[in-house]
N, C-alpha and C. Protein backbone atom coordinates (compact mmCIF):
# COMPACT_ATOMS: atom_id res chain seq x y z
N UNK A 1 92.71 102.86 105.27
CA UNK A 1 93.61 102.77 106.79
C UNK A 1 94.41 101.55 106.40
N UNK A 2 95.49 102.21 107.08
CA UNK A 2 96.81 101.47 107.17
C UNK A 2 96.67 100.23 107.87
N UNK A 3 97.52 99.35 107.47
CA UNK A 3 97.72 97.99 108.29
C UNK A 3 98.04 98.07 109.87
N UNK A 4 98.85 99.15 109.76
CA UNK A 4 99.37 99.54 111.38
C UNK A 4 98.00 100.00 112.19
N UNK A 5 97.11 100.72 111.64
CA UNK A 5 95.99 101.56 112.41
C UNK A 5 95.35 100.16 112.50
N UNK A 6 94.91 99.43 111.53
CA UNK A 6 93.97 98.30 111.83
C UNK A 6 94.57 97.57 113.12
N UNK A 7 95.60 97.32 113.11
CA UNK A 7 96.56 96.22 114.01
C UNK A 7 96.08 97.08 115.49
N UNK A 8 96.25 98.25 115.42
CA UNK A 8 96.26 98.95 116.87
C UNK A 8 94.55 99.05 117.26
N UNK A 9 93.95 99.32 116.35
CA UNK A 9 92.26 98.96 116.52
C UNK A 9 92.00 97.90 117.14
N UNK A 10 92.58 96.82 116.47
CA UNK A 10 92.29 95.34 116.93
C UNK A 10 92.88 95.19 118.30
N UNK A 11 94.16 95.74 118.73
CA UNK A 11 94.60 95.48 119.92
C UNK A 11 93.96 96.10 120.80
N UNK A 12 93.31 97.45 120.69
CA UNK A 12 92.65 97.88 121.63
C UNK A 12 91.42 97.41 121.95
N UNK A 13 90.47 96.87 120.80
CA UNK A 13 89.42 96.11 120.88
C UNK A 13 89.60 94.80 121.85
N UNK A 14 90.63 94.17 121.49
CA UNK A 14 90.60 92.95 122.36
C UNK A 14 91.06 92.87 123.58
N UNK A 15 92.04 94.03 124.07
CA UNK A 15 92.37 94.53 125.31
C UNK A 15 91.00 94.68 126.10
N UNK A 16 90.00 95.31 125.75
CA UNK A 16 88.82 95.54 126.50
C UNK A 16 87.36 94.43 126.27
N UNK A 17 87.67 93.64 125.19
CA UNK A 17 86.69 92.78 124.99
C UNK A 17 86.26 91.76 125.98
N UNK A 18 85.02 91.12 125.81
CA UNK A 18 84.90 90.11 127.24
C UNK A 18 85.20 88.78 126.43
N UNK A 19 85.23 87.93 127.69
CA UNK A 19 85.41 86.64 127.28
C UNK A 19 84.90 85.80 125.91
N UNK A 20 83.68 86.08 125.90
CA UNK A 20 82.94 85.43 124.85
C UNK A 20 83.47 86.06 123.33
N UNK A 21 83.73 87.34 123.45
CA UNK A 21 84.14 87.89 122.05
C UNK A 21 85.48 87.55 121.83
N UNK A 22 86.36 87.49 122.95
CA UNK A 22 87.75 86.91 122.38
C UNK A 22 87.85 85.51 122.00
N UNK A 23 86.81 84.67 122.68
CA UNK A 23 86.86 83.39 122.12
C UNK A 23 86.52 83.32 120.91
N UNK A 24 85.25 84.21 120.47
CA UNK A 24 84.86 84.08 119.18
C UNK A 24 85.83 84.42 118.16
N UNK A 25 86.72 85.43 118.32
CA UNK A 25 87.46 86.05 117.64
C UNK A 25 88.69 84.87 117.29
N UNK A 26 89.10 84.08 118.48
CA UNK A 26 90.00 83.10 118.41
C UNK A 26 89.46 81.92 117.70
N UNK A 27 88.31 81.55 117.80
CA UNK A 27 87.87 80.40 117.02
C UNK A 27 87.61 80.86 115.42
N UNK A 28 87.52 82.08 114.99
CA UNK A 28 87.52 82.35 113.59
C UNK A 28 88.49 82.48 113.09
N UNK A 29 89.81 82.77 114.08
CA UNK A 29 91.17 82.90 113.23
C UNK A 29 91.97 81.70 113.64
N UNK A 30 91.61 80.66 114.72
CA UNK A 30 92.62 79.56 114.61
C UNK A 30 93.00 78.92 113.81
N UNK A 31 92.37 78.36 112.96
CA UNK A 31 92.92 77.64 111.83
C UNK A 31 94.36 78.24 111.02
N UNK A 32 94.06 79.65 111.03
CA UNK A 32 95.09 80.46 110.29
C UNK A 32 96.38 80.97 111.23
N UNK A 33 96.23 80.63 112.40
CA UNK A 33 97.58 81.21 113.17
C UNK A 33 98.49 80.29 113.34
N UNK A 34 99.62 80.82 112.95
CA UNK A 34 100.88 80.21 113.21
C UNK A 34 101.98 81.02 114.32
N UNK A 35 102.02 80.28 115.36
CA UNK A 35 102.60 80.97 116.30
C UNK A 35 104.17 81.18 115.95
N UNK A 36 104.65 81.99 116.40
CA UNK A 36 105.75 82.71 116.15
C UNK A 36 107.04 81.73 116.42
N UNK A 37 106.89 80.99 117.48
CA UNK A 37 107.69 80.08 118.17
C UNK A 37 107.73 78.88 117.60
N UNK A 38 106.85 78.42 116.56
CA UNK A 38 106.86 77.32 116.18
C UNK A 38 108.09 76.69 115.34
N UNK A 39 108.68 77.73 114.52
CA UNK A 39 109.72 77.52 113.83
C UNK A 39 110.77 76.83 114.72
N UNK A 40 111.17 77.53 115.56
CA UNK A 40 112.04 77.19 116.71
C UNK A 40 112.04 75.74 117.22
N UNK A 41 110.89 75.17 117.04
CA UNK A 41 110.54 73.73 117.66
C UNK A 41 110.93 72.70 116.79
N UNK A 42 110.80 73.25 115.44
CA UNK A 42 111.12 72.03 114.39
C UNK A 42 112.71 71.96 114.13
N UNK A 43 112.95 70.82 114.67
CA UNK A 43 114.32 70.42 114.75
C UNK A 43 114.86 70.47 113.33
N UNK A 44 114.26 69.89 112.32
CA UNK A 44 114.70 69.78 110.95
C UNK A 44 115.06 71.25 110.28
N UNK A 45 114.25 72.00 110.45
CA UNK A 45 114.20 73.51 110.08
C UNK A 45 115.41 74.14 110.74
N UNK A 46 115.37 74.21 112.24
CA UNK A 46 116.64 74.51 112.63
C UNK A 46 117.78 74.15 112.06
N UNK A 47 118.01 72.75 111.82
CA UNK A 47 119.03 72.01 111.42
C UNK A 47 119.71 72.77 110.03
N UNK A 48 118.55 72.93 109.43
CA UNK A 48 118.66 73.47 107.92
C UNK A 48 119.18 74.87 107.94
N UNK A 49 118.77 75.69 109.16
CA UNK A 49 119.30 77.17 109.18
C UNK A 49 120.59 77.28 109.74
N UNK A 50 121.08 76.21 110.61
CA UNK A 50 122.30 76.22 111.26
C UNK A 50 123.37 75.96 110.08
N UNK A 51 122.86 74.93 109.31
CA UNK A 51 123.71 74.49 108.10
C UNK A 51 124.15 75.68 107.01
N UNK A 52 122.89 76.36 106.67
CA UNK A 52 123.09 77.57 106.06
C UNK A 52 124.12 78.69 106.60
N UNK A 53 124.10 78.77 107.96
CA UNK A 53 125.05 79.73 108.64
C UNK A 53 126.29 79.20 108.62
N UNK A 54 126.57 77.88 108.66
CA UNK A 54 127.78 77.29 108.67
C UNK A 54 128.41 77.67 107.37
N UNK A 55 127.81 77.11 106.34
CA UNK A 55 128.30 77.25 105.01
C UNK A 55 128.52 78.98 104.56
N UNK A 56 127.79 79.72 105.06
CA UNK A 56 128.12 81.22 104.81
C UNK A 56 129.66 81.44 105.57
N UNK A 57 129.52 80.99 106.79
CA UNK A 57 130.75 81.20 107.75
C UNK A 57 131.87 80.86 107.28
N UNK A 58 131.96 79.65 106.45
CA UNK A 58 133.15 79.12 106.18
C UNK A 58 133.54 79.31 104.52
N UNK A 59 132.51 80.12 103.97
CA UNK A 59 132.67 80.61 102.83
C UNK A 59 132.26 79.79 101.26
N UNK A 60 131.32 78.94 101.91
CA UNK A 60 130.74 77.91 100.58
C UNK A 60 129.61 78.97 100.23
N UNK A 61 128.90 79.29 100.74
CA UNK A 61 127.87 80.06 100.26
C UNK A 61 128.13 81.65 100.46
N UNK A 62 127.73 82.48 99.64
CA UNK A 62 128.10 83.98 99.62
C UNK A 62 126.86 84.59 100.10
N UNK A 63 126.89 85.74 100.75
CA UNK A 63 125.75 86.40 101.28
C UNK A 63 125.48 87.77 100.22
N UNK A 64 124.41 88.44 100.56
CA UNK A 64 124.22 89.63 99.62
C UNK A 64 123.87 90.74 100.36
N UNK A 65 124.48 91.97 100.09
CA UNK A 65 124.06 93.14 100.78
C UNK A 65 122.52 93.51 100.24
N UNK A 66 122.10 94.30 101.11
CA UNK A 66 120.62 94.84 100.56
C UNK A 66 120.65 95.54 99.29
N UNK A 67 121.91 96.48 99.17
CA UNK A 67 121.76 97.01 97.91
C UNK A 67 122.16 96.14 96.49
N UNK A 68 122.84 94.87 96.75
CA UNK A 68 122.75 94.15 95.93
C UNK A 68 121.68 93.29 95.43
N UNK A 69 120.88 92.88 96.45
CA UNK A 69 119.49 92.55 96.26
C UNK A 69 118.74 93.36 95.62
N UNK A 70 118.73 94.46 96.03
CA UNK A 70 117.93 95.53 95.53
C UNK A 70 118.12 95.69 93.97
N UNK A 71 119.28 95.75 93.63
CA UNK A 71 119.76 96.07 92.17
C UNK A 71 119.57 94.77 91.58
N UNK A 72 119.45 93.56 91.73
CA UNK A 72 119.23 92.42 91.10
C UNK A 72 117.79 92.42 90.96
N UNK A 73 116.93 92.84 91.77
CA UNK A 73 115.39 92.80 91.58
C UNK A 73 115.12 93.78 90.68
N UNK A 74 115.84 94.96 90.62
CA UNK A 74 115.51 95.95 89.79
C UNK A 74 115.81 95.40 88.22
N UNK A 75 116.95 94.80 87.97
CA UNK A 75 117.37 94.22 86.80
C UNK A 75 116.49 93.06 86.28
N UNK A 76 115.61 92.57 87.26
CA UNK A 76 114.92 91.51 86.94
C UNK A 76 113.54 92.01 86.39
N UNK A 77 113.18 93.26 87.13
CA UNK A 77 111.70 94.00 86.67
C UNK A 77 112.17 94.97 85.44
N UNK A 78 113.30 95.33 85.05
CA UNK A 78 113.73 95.84 83.88
C UNK A 78 113.60 94.78 82.86
N UNK A 79 113.89 93.67 82.72
CA UNK A 79 114.10 92.48 81.84
C UNK A 79 112.66 92.14 81.36
N UNK A 80 111.83 91.97 82.55
CA UNK A 80 110.49 91.70 82.33
C UNK A 80 109.66 92.75 81.75
N UNK A 81 109.91 94.03 81.91
CA UNK A 81 109.26 95.17 81.37
C UNK A 81 109.51 95.20 79.83
N UNK A 82 110.77 94.73 79.49
CA UNK A 82 111.41 94.81 78.04
C UNK A 82 110.53 93.67 77.15
N UNK A 83 110.03 92.77 77.78
CA UNK A 83 109.42 91.60 77.04
C UNK A 83 108.13 92.02 76.46
């Protein structure tokens, strides 16, 4: 079963689960959950992102296209395979 199918089954289950079941699932996963908005509240992290964007915009750091990144990864894989 694909991850997408599993997610759909979980969504469907949670939508109809009673309060006790929802609380049990939450208790089971609570320690592993990271809220998506947490990073936006981390001032140091946001400042780092802002600085990276600034450096890119003024030309200090360069960006890479997806094709460049993919080519670089493939080159690294090729080198490792040769060892």
